[in-house]
C-alpha atoms as a PDB file:
ATOM      1  CA  MET A   1     -17.475  72.116-230.488  1.00  0.00           C
ATOM      2  CA  PRO A   2     -20.711  71.965-228.463  1.00  0.00           C
ATOM      3  CA  PRO A   3     -20.678  73.896-225.213  1.00  0.00           C
ATOM      4  CA  THR A   4     -19.660  72.101-222.051  1.00  0.00           C
ATOM      5  CA  ASP A   5     -22.152  71.653-219.217  1.00  0.00           C
ATOM      6  CA  ALA A   6     -20.569  74.541-217.367  1.00  0.00           C
ATOM      7  CA  SER A   7     -20.884  76.908-220.289  1.00  0.00           C
ATOM      8  CA  ALA A   8     -24.496  75.814-220.880  1.00  0.00           C
ATOM      9  CA  ASP A   9     -25.428  76.555-217.266  1.00  0.00           C
ATOM     10  CA  THR A  10     -24.138  80.098-217.565  1.00  0.00           C
ATOM     11  CA  ALA A  11     -25.627  80.815-220.973  1.00  0.00           C
ATOM     12  CA  THR A  12     -28.056  83.730-221.054  1.00  0.00           C
ATOM     13  CA  ALA A  13     -31.359  83.417-222.843  1.00  0.00           C
ATOM     14  CA  PRO A  14     -32.377  86.320-225.053  1.00  0.00           C
ATOM     15  CA  GLY A  15     -34.790  88.677-223.287  1.00  0.00           C
ATOM     16  CA  SER A  16     -34.007  87.406-219.756  1.00  0.00           C
ATOM     17  CA  ASP A  17     -33.561  89.771-216.795  1.00  0.00           C
ATOM     18  CA  ALA A  18     -29.845  89.119-216.766  1.00  0.00           C
ATOM     19  CA  SER A  19     -29.435  89.888-220.475  1.00  0.00           C
ATOM     20  CA  ALA A  20     -31.268  93.175-219.967  1.00  0.00           C
ATOM     21  CA  GLY A  21     -28.961  94.132-217.129  1.00  0.00           C
ATOM     22  CA  ARG A  22     -31.675  93.744-214.406  1.00  0.00           C
ATOM     23  CA  SER A  23     -31.409  91.736-211.221  1.00  0.00           C
ATOM     24  CA  PRO A  24     -34.342  89.334-210.545  1.00  0.00           C
ATOM     25  CA  ALA A  25     -33.618  89.617-206.819  1.00  0.00           C
ATOM     26  CA  THR A  26     -33.942  93.377-206.944  1.00  0.00           C
ATOM     27  CA  ASP A  27     -37.242  93.161-208.807  1.00  0.00           C
ATOM     28  CA  GLY A  28     -38.532  90.707-206.217  1.00  0.00           C
ATOM     29  CA  GLU A  29     -37.624  93.064-203.411  1.00  0.00           C
ATOM     30  CA  ASP A  30     -39.469  95.875-205.168  1.00  0.00           C
ATOM     31  CA  THR A  31     -42.624  93.735-205.355  1.00  0.00           C
ATOM     32  CA  LEU A  32     -42.415  92.765-201.721  1.00  0.00           C
ATOM     33  CA  HIS A  33     -42.162  96.406-200.714  1.00  0.00           C
ATOM     34  CA  LEU A  34     -45.001  97.558-202.950  1.00  0.00           C
ATOM     35  CA  ARG A  35     -47.340  99.824-200.937  1.00  0.00           C
ATOM     36  CA  LEU A  36     -51.030  99.733-201.797  1.00  0.00           C
ATOM     37  CA  PRO A  37     -52.892 103.047-201.996  1.00  0.00           C
ATOM     38  CA  GLU A  38     -54.551 104.137-198.767  1.00  0.00           C
ATOM     39  CA  GLU A  39     -57.874 104.490-200.604  1.00  0.00           C
ATOM     40  CA  PHE A  40     -57.727 100.829-201.647  1.00  0.00           C
ATOM     41  CA  LEU A  41     -56.907  99.667-198.115  1.00  0.00           C
ATOM     42  CA  ALA A  42     -59.764 101.763-196.703  1.00  0.00           C
ATOM     43  CA  LEU A  43     -62.151 100.285-199.269  1.00  0.00           C
ATOM     44  CA  CYS A  44     -61.111  96.739-198.313  1.00  0.00           C
ATOM     45  CA  ALA A  45     -61.543  97.504-194.611  1.00  0.00           C
ATOM     46  CA  LYS A  46     -65.019  98.928-195.246  1.00  0.00           C
ATOM     47  CA  ALA A  47     -65.993  95.853-197.272  1.00  0.00           C
ATOM     48  CA  ASP A  48     -64.866  93.579-194.438  1.00  0.00           C
ATOM     49  CA  ALA A  49     -66.772  95.650-191.868  1.00  0.00           C
ATOM     50  CA  ASP A  50     -69.917  95.671-194.017  1.00  0.00           C
ATOM     51  CA  ALA A  51     -69.723  91.894-194.456  1.00  0.00           C
ATOM     52  CA  THR A  52     -69.422  91.387-190.688  1.00  0.00           C
ATOM     53  CA  ARG A  53     -72.272  93.816-190.042  1.00  0.00           C
ATOM     54  CA  ASP A  54     -74.545  91.912-192.412  1.00  0.00           C
ATOM     55  CA  GLN A  55     -73.565  88.482-191.098  1.00  0.00           C
ATOM     56  CA  LEU A  56     -74.264  89.057-187.397  1.00  0.00           C
ATOM     57  CA  LEU A  57     -78.021  89.225-188.012  1.00  0.00           C
ATOM     58  CA  ASP A  58     -78.228  87.537-191.420  1.00  0.00           C
ATOM     59  CA  ARG A  59     -79.035  90.695-193.396  1.00  0.00           C
ATOM     60  CA  VAL A  60     -82.177  91.981-191.707  1.00  0.00           C
ATOM     61  CA  GLY A  61     -82.745  94.363-194.594  1.00  0.00           C
ATOM     62  CA  ASP A  62     -83.199  91.421-196.950  1.00  0.00           C
ATOM     63  CA  TRP A  63     -85.732  89.508-194.840  1.00  0.00           C
ATOM     64  CA  GLY A  64     -88.589  90.844-196.905  1.00  0.00           C
ATOM     65  CA  ARG A  65     -92.299  91.017-196.285  1.00  0.00           C
ATOM     66  CA  THR A  66     -94.262  88.709-194.013  1.00  0.00           C
ATOM     67  CA  HIS A  67     -97.989  88.354-193.438  1.00  0.00           C
ATOM     68  CA  ALA A  68     -99.362  89.063-189.971  1.00  0.00           C
ATOM     69  CA  THR A  69    -103.009  88.716-189.024  1.00  0.00           C
ATOM     70  CA  VAL A  70    -103.266  92.517-189.229  1.00  0.00           C
ATOM     71  CA  GLY A  71    -101.780  92.782-192.741  1.00  0.00           C
ATOM     72  CA  ALA A  72     -98.597  92.676-194.815  1.00  0.00           C
ATOM     73  CA  PHE A  73     -95.630  93.707-192.681  1.00  0.00           C
ATOM     74  CA  GLU A  74     -91.960  94.464-193.324  1.00  0.00           C
ATOM     75  CA  LEU A  75     -88.917  95.519-191.301  1.00  0.00           C
ATOM     76  CA  VAL A  76     -87.062  98.336-193.083  1.00  0.00           C
ATOM     77  CA  PRO A  77     -83.643  99.353-191.672  1.00  0.00           C
ATOM     78  CA  VAL A  78     -83.601 102.963-190.490  1.00  0.00           C
ATOM     79  CA  GLU A  79     -82.120 105.723-192.623  1.00  0.00           C
ATOM     80  CA  ILE A  80     -81.346 108.788-190.504  1.00  0.00           C
ATOM     81  CA  GLU A  81     -82.182 111.429-193.120  1.00  0.00           C
ATOM     82  CA  ARG A  82     -85.511 109.808-193.967  1.00  0.00           C
ATOM     83  CA  ASP A  83     -86.730 108.492-190.621  1.00  0.00           C
ATOM     84  CA  LEU A  84     -85.330 110.670-187.830  1.00  0.00           C
ATOM     85  CA  PRO A  85     -88.233 113.176-187.564  1.00  0.00           C
ATOM     86  CA  LEU A  86     -90.833 110.403-187.358  1.00  0.00           C
ATOM     87  CA  ILE A  87     -88.960 108.347-184.756  1.00  0.00           C
ATOM     88  CA  THR A  88     -88.239 111.482-182.702  1.00  0.00           C
ATOM     89  CA  ARG A  89     -91.955 112.282-182.636  1.00  0.00           C
ATOM     90  CA  TRP A  90     -92.722 108.784-181.413  1.00  0.00           C
ATOM     91  CA  MET A  91     -90.045 108.976-178.714  1.00  0.00           C
ATOM     92  CA  ASN A  92     -91.687 112.148-177.390  1.00  0.00           C
ATOM     93  CA  ASP A  93     -95.067 110.502-176.920  1.00  0.00           C
ATOM     94  CA  PRO A  94     -95.476 110.287-173.105  1.00  0.00           C
ATOM     95  CA  ALA A  95     -96.611 106.636-173.282  1.00  0.00           C
ATOM     96  CA  VAL A  96     -93.392 105.744-175.144  1.00  0.00           C
ATOM     97  CA  ALA A  97     -91.083 108.076-173.230  1.00  0.00           C
ATOM     98  CA  ALA A  98     -92.039 106.481-169.909  1.00  0.00           C
ATOM     99  CA  PHE A  99     -90.163 103.326-170.903  1.00  0.00           C
ATOM    100  CA  TRP A 100     -87.721 104.322-173.671  1.00  0.00           C
ATOM    101  CA  GLU A 101     -86.507 107.487-171.895  1.00  0.00           C
ATOM    102  CA  LEU A 102     -85.531 109.199-175.163  1.00  0.00           C
ATOM    103  CA  ALA A 103     -87.903 112.161-175.019  1.00  0.00           C
ATOM    104  CA  GLY A 104     -86.219 115.427-175.909  1.00  0.00           C
ATOM    105  CA  PRO A 105     -84.566 117.089-178.889  1.00  0.00           C
ATOM    106  CA  GLN A 106     -84.019 115.316-182.185  1.00  0.00           C
ATOM    107  CA  THR A 107     -80.300 115.072-181.444  1.00  0.00           C
ATOM    108  CA  LEU A 108     -81.031 112.657-178.585  1.00  0.00           C
ATOM    109  CA  THR A 109     -82.868 110.215-180.841  1.00  0.00           C
ATOM    110  CA  GLU A 110     -80.231 110.700-183.534  1.00  0.00           C
ATOM    111  CA  ALA A 111     -77.427 109.745-181.161  1.00  0.00           C
ATOM    112  CA  HIS A 112     -79.336 106.595-180.151  1.00  0.00           C
ATOM    113  CA  LEU A 113     -79.785 105.557-183.782  1.00  0.00           C
ATOM    114  CA  ARG A 114     -76.283 106.435-184.949  1.00  0.00           C
ATOM    115  CA  ALA A 115     -74.701 104.397-182.151  1.00  0.00           C
ATOM    116  CA  GLN A 116     -76.324 101.315-183.676  1.00  0.00           C
ATOM    117  CA  LEU A 117     -75.772 102.234-187.319  1.00  0.00           C
ATOM    118  CA  ALA A 118     -72.076 102.903-186.705  1.00  0.00           C
ATOM    119  CA  GLY A 119     -71.593  99.658-184.784  1.00  0.00           C
ATOM    120  CA  ASP A 120     -70.668  96.185-185.944  1.00  0.00           C
ATOM    121  CA  GLY A 121     -74.212  95.153-186.796  1.00  0.00           C
ATOM    122  CA  ARG A 122     -75.181  93.453-183.543  1.00  0.00           C
ATOM    123  CA  SER A 123     -78.231  95.760-183.306  1.00  0.00           C
ATOM    124  CA  VAL A 124     -80.245  96.929-186.316  1.00  0.00           C
ATOM    125  CA  PRO A 125     -82.842  99.709-185.882  1.00  0.00           C
ATOM    126  CA  CYS A 126     -85.842  99.304-188.194  1.00  0.00           C
ATOM    127  CA  LEU A 127     -89.149 100.856-189.059  1.00  0.00           C
ATOM    128  CA  GLY A 128     -92.077  98.480-188.955  1.00  0.00           C
ATOM    129  CA  VAL A 129     -94.105  99.080-192.113  1.00  0.00           C
ATOM    130  CA  LEU A 130     -97.676  97.736-192.069  1.00  0.00           C
ATOM    131  CA  GLU A 131     -99.570  97.772-195.369  1.00  0.00           C
ATOM    132  CA  GLY A 132     -97.096 100.338-196.702  1.00  0.00           C
ATOM    133  CA  THR A 133     -97.288 102.702-193.691  1.00  0.00           C
ATOM    134  CA  PRO A 134     -94.516 103.097-191.077  1.00  0.00           C
ATOM    135  CA  MET A 135     -96.223 102.555-187.705  1.00  0.00           C
ATOM    136  CA  SER A 136     -93.655 101.088-185.318  1.00  0.00           C
ATOM    137  CA  TYR A 137     -89.978 101.130-184.388  1.00  0.00           C
ATOM    138  CA  TRP A 138     -87.982  97.937-183.824  1.00  0.00           C
ATOM    139  CA  GLU A 139     -84.506  96.973-182.748  1.00  0.00           C
ATOM    140  CA  ILE A 140     -83.404  93.484-183.765  1.00  0.00           C
ATOM    141  CA  TYR A 141     -80.273  92.614-181.832  1.00  0.00           C
ATOM    142  CA  ARG A 142     -77.914  89.797-180.929  1.00  0.00           C
ATOM    143  CA  ALA A 143     -78.871  89.169-177.316  1.00  0.00           C
ATOM    144  CA  ASP A 144     -75.898  86.849-176.835  1.00  0.00           C
ATOM    145  CA  LEU A 145     -73.558  89.744-177.753  1.00  0.00           C
ATOM    146  CA  ASP A 146     -75.482  92.351-175.743  1.00  0.00           C
ATOM    147  CA  PRO A 147     -74.942  93.411-172.111  1.00  0.00           C
ATOM    148  CA  LEU A 148     -78.215  91.556-171.464  1.00  0.00           C
ATOM    149  CA  ALA A 149     -76.228  88.314-171.768  1.00  0.00           C
ATOM    150  CA  ARG A 150     -74.615  89.066-168.394  1.00  0.00           C
ATOM    151  CA  HIS A 151     -78.018  88.788-166.728  1.00  0.00           C
ATOM    152  CA  TYR A 152     -79.411  85.510-168.065  1.00  0.00           C
ATOM    153  CA  PRO A 153     -78.020  82.178-169.358  1.00  0.00           C
ATOM    154  CA  ALA A 154     -77.605  83.276-172.965  1.00  0.00           C
ATOM    155  CA  ARG A 155     -77.136  80.828-175.810  1.00  0.00           C
ATOM    156  CA  PRO A 156     -75.259  81.464-179.075  1.00  0.00           C
ATOM    157  CA  HIS A 157     -77.330  83.381-181.623  1.00  0.00           C
ATOM    158  CA  ASP A 158     -80.117  84.341-179.183  1.00  0.00           C
ATOM    159  CA  THR A 159     -81.890  87.171-180.989  1.00  0.00           C
ATOM    160  CA  GLY A 160     -83.567  90.004-179.120  1.00  0.00           C
ATOM    161  CA  ILE A 161     -86.468  92.309-179.964  1.00  0.00           C
ATOM    162  CA  HIS A 162     -87.281  95.845-178.822  1.00  0.00           C
ATOM    163  CA  LEU A 163     -90.553  97.350-180.023  1.00  0.00           C
ATOM    164  CA  LEU A 164     -92.611 100.512-179.752  1.00  0.00           C
ATOM    165  CA  ILE A 165     -95.913 101.188-181.481  1.00  0.00           C
ATOM    166  CA  GLY A 166     -95.736 104.725-182.816  1.00  0.00           C
ATOM    167  CA  ASP A 167     -99.229 106.150-182.614  1.00  0.00           C
ATOM    168  CA  ALA A 168    -101.929 105.672-179.984  1.00  0.00           C
ATOM    169  CA  VAL A 169    -104.454 104.626-182.645  1.00  0.00           C
ATOM    170  CA  ASP A 170    -102.419 101.466-183.291  1.00  0.00           C
ATOM    171  CA  ARG A 171    -102.209 100.474-179.620  1.00  0.00           C
ATOM    172  CA  GLY A 172    -104.584  98.378-177.571  1.00  0.00           C
ATOM    173  CA  ARG A 173    -106.219  96.553-180.473  1.00  0.00           C
ATOM    174  CA  GLY A 174    -104.005  93.481-180.691  1.00  0.00           C
ATOM    175  CA  ALA A 175    -101.633  94.803-183.337  1.00  0.00           C
ATOM    176  CA  GLY A 176     -98.628  94.582-181.006  1.00  0.00           C
ATOM    177  CA  SER A 177     -99.034  90.883-180.228  1.00  0.00           C
ATOM    178  CA  ALA A 178     -99.799  90.074-183.892  1.00  0.00           C
ATOM    179  CA  LEU A 179     -96.647  91.842-185.058  1.00  0.00           C
ATOM    180  CA  LEU A 180     -94.494  90.343-182.293  1.00  0.00           C
ATOM    181  CA  ARG A 181     -95.604  86.875-183.355  1.00  0.00           C
ATOM    182  CA  ALA A 182     -94.915  87.671-187.014  1.00  0.00           C
ATOM    183  CA  VAL A 183     -91.462  89.125-186.334  1.00  0.00           C
ATOM    184  CA  ALA A 184     -90.483  86.250-184.022  1.00  0.00           C
ATOM    185  CA  ASP A 185     -91.464  83.833-186.795  1.00  0.00           C
ATOM    186  CA  LEU A 186     -89.474  85.920-189.272  1.00  0.00           C
ATOM    187  CA  VAL A 187     -86.374  85.753-187.055  1.00  0.00           C
ATOM    188  CA  LEU A 188     -86.650  81.970-186.763  1.00  0.00           C
ATOM    189  CA  ASP A 189     -87.211  81.631-190.521  1.00  0.00           C
ATOM    190  CA  LYS A 190     -84.307  83.854-191.565  1.00  0.00           C
ATOM    191  CA  ARG A 191     -81.814  82.956-188.812  1.00  0.00           C
ATOM    192  CA  PRO A 192     -81.467  79.146-188.840  1.00  0.00           C
ATOM    193  CA  ALA A 193     -78.745  79.273-186.160  1.00  0.00           C
ATOM    194  CA  CYS A 194     -81.085  81.040-183.732  1.00  0.00           C
ATOM    195  CA  ALA A 195     -82.979  78.719-181.374  1.00  0.00           C
ATOM    196  CA  ARG A 196     -84.628  81.435-179.249  1.00  0.00           C
ATOM    197  CA  VAL A 197     -86.065  84.899-179.622  1.00  0.00           C
ATOM    198  CA  VAL A 198     -85.847  86.917-176.402  1.00  0.00           C
ATOM    199  CA  ALA A 199     -87.161  90.215-175.060  1.00  0.00           C
ATOM    200  CA  GLU A 200     -86.884  92.175-171.818  1.00  0.00           C
ATOM    201  CA  PRO A 201     -89.789  94.605-171.460  1.00  0.00           C
ATOM    202  CA  ASP A 202     -90.002  96.701-168.321  1.00  0.00           C
ATOM    203  CA  LEU A 203     -91.871  94.695-165.690  1.00  0.00           C
ATOM    204  CA  ARG A 204     -94.108  97.733-165.044  1.00  0.00           C
ATOM    205  CA  ASN A 205     -95.204  97.786-168.677  1.00  0.00           C
ATOM    206  CA  THR A 206     -97.992  95.271-168.276  1.00  0.00           C
ATOM    207  CA  PRO A 207     -99.520  95.844-171.760  1.00  0.00           C
ATOM    208  CA  SER A 208     -96.158  95.026-173.322  1.00  0.00           C
ATOM    209  CA  VAL A 209     -95.659  91.900-171.206  1.00  0.00           C
ATOM    210  CA  ALA A 210     -99.189  90.773-172.089  1.00  0.00           C
ATOM    211  CA  ALA A 211     -98.503  91.325-175.799  1.00  0.00           C
ATOM    212  CA  PHE A 212     -95.416  89.097-175.648  1.00  0.00           C
ATOM    213  CA  LEU A 213     -97.378  86.381-173.865  1.00  0.00           C
ATOM    214  CA  SER A 214    -100.102  86.553-176.514  1.00  0.00           C
ATOM    215  CA  ALA A 215     -97.412  86.274-179.196  1.00  0.00           C
ATOM    216  CA  GLY A 216     -96.218  82.910-177.888  1.00  0.00           C
ATOM    217  CA  PHE A 217     -93.399  84.077-175.630  1.00  0.00           C
ATOM    218  CA  ARG A 218     -93.093  82.559-172.161  1.00  0.00           C
ATOM    219  CA  PHE A 219     -92.190  84.444-169.018  1.00  0.00           C
ATOM    220  CA  SER A 220     -88.798  83.111-167.934  1.00  0.00           C
ATOM    221  CA  ALA A 221     -87.617  85.299-165.063  1.00  0.00           C
ATOM    222  CA  GLU A 222     -87.443  88.748-163.525  1.00  0.00           C
ATOM    223  CA  VAL A 223     -84.108  90.348-164.387  1.00  0.00           C
ATOM    224  CA  ASP A 224     -82.438  93.324-162.747  1.00  0.00           C
ATOM    225  CA  LEU A 225     -80.921  95.422-165.539  1.00  0.00           C
ATOM    226  CA  PRO A 226     -79.041  98.705-165.015  1.00  0.00           C
ATOM    227  CA  ALA A 227     -82.017 100.867-166.030  1.00  0.00           C
ATOM    228  CA  LYS A 228     -85.006  98.703-165.123  1.00  0.00           C
ATOM    229  CA  ARG A 229     -86.388  95.533-163.641  1.00  0.00           C
ATOM    230  CA  ALA A 230     -87.385  93.496-166.666  1.00  0.00           C
ATOM    231  CA  ALA A 231     -89.506  90.517-167.536  1.00  0.00           C
ATOM    232  CA  LEU A 232     -87.351  88.082-169.502  1.00  0.00           C
ATOM    233  CA  MET A 233     -89.563  86.717-172.267  1.00  0.00           C
ATOM    234  CA  ILE A 234     -88.485  83.790-174.477  1.00  0.00           C
ATOM    235  CA  ARG A 235     -89.923  82.295-177.635  1.00  0.00           C
ATOM    236  CA  ASP A 236     -88.428  78.839-178.297  1.00  0.00           C
ATOM    237  CA  ARG A 237     -87.995  77.387-181.766  1.00  0.00           C
ATOM    238  CA  SER A 238     -88.561  73.893-180.341  1.00  0.00           C
ATOM    239  CA  VAL A 239     -92.204  74.626-179.481  1.00  0.00           C
ATOM    240  CA  ARG A 240     -92.959  76.908-182.403  1.00  0.00           C
ATOM    241  CA  ASP A 241     -95.307  74.452-184.113  1.00  0.00           C
ATOM    242  CA  LEU A 242     -97.316  74.047-180.900  1.00  0.00           C
ATOM    243  CA  LEU A 243     -98.185  77.731-180.534  1.00  0.00           C
END
């Protein structure tokens, strides 16, 4: 006689969990309570942090070389072990120290750099390499995510620039304004969401303010910042082709 419906419903297929004496429910609970290794979780967290760090400024390290009127130029993200002695020497130049206020032992410059490198990527310290030679220090930063945003009407994706020319031989011959123009163009090329490049040089630093003006920035306002009275300089994407 063929099995009734009831007996068919309770039949056990060969090789099933029930026929092997295991409970599917128990196996499911084991899976739900599976704990991933701490090393794997740490690796995932680092990958997420690295992705965020790269996204905030659209991977500055991948922007590549551009051509300024003074030669081929590239922004290269700082590596502490490689670049710290050079940047420390620049910071101790009296002309630089007057406005950056980082003169002193190497540990002072190191702390300034590491604070950015350990952050979420909203500020990226870079060497400016002209024709293969490091000659300037740059910070490319998200001005809309910076304390500066409390002092002016910031817009999403405003991108800021800090710059120092390392050696006296490279100053006063137009290199600063040429490189500022090139880097501002690079920002606008590589960051399509950014409509403005901004800067806030010390108002007393008239050569720096003049270099920004020559690079196509406009003077927007005087801004009282915690450490200085600054000239707010803005380069607008909307008038880029007119400059």
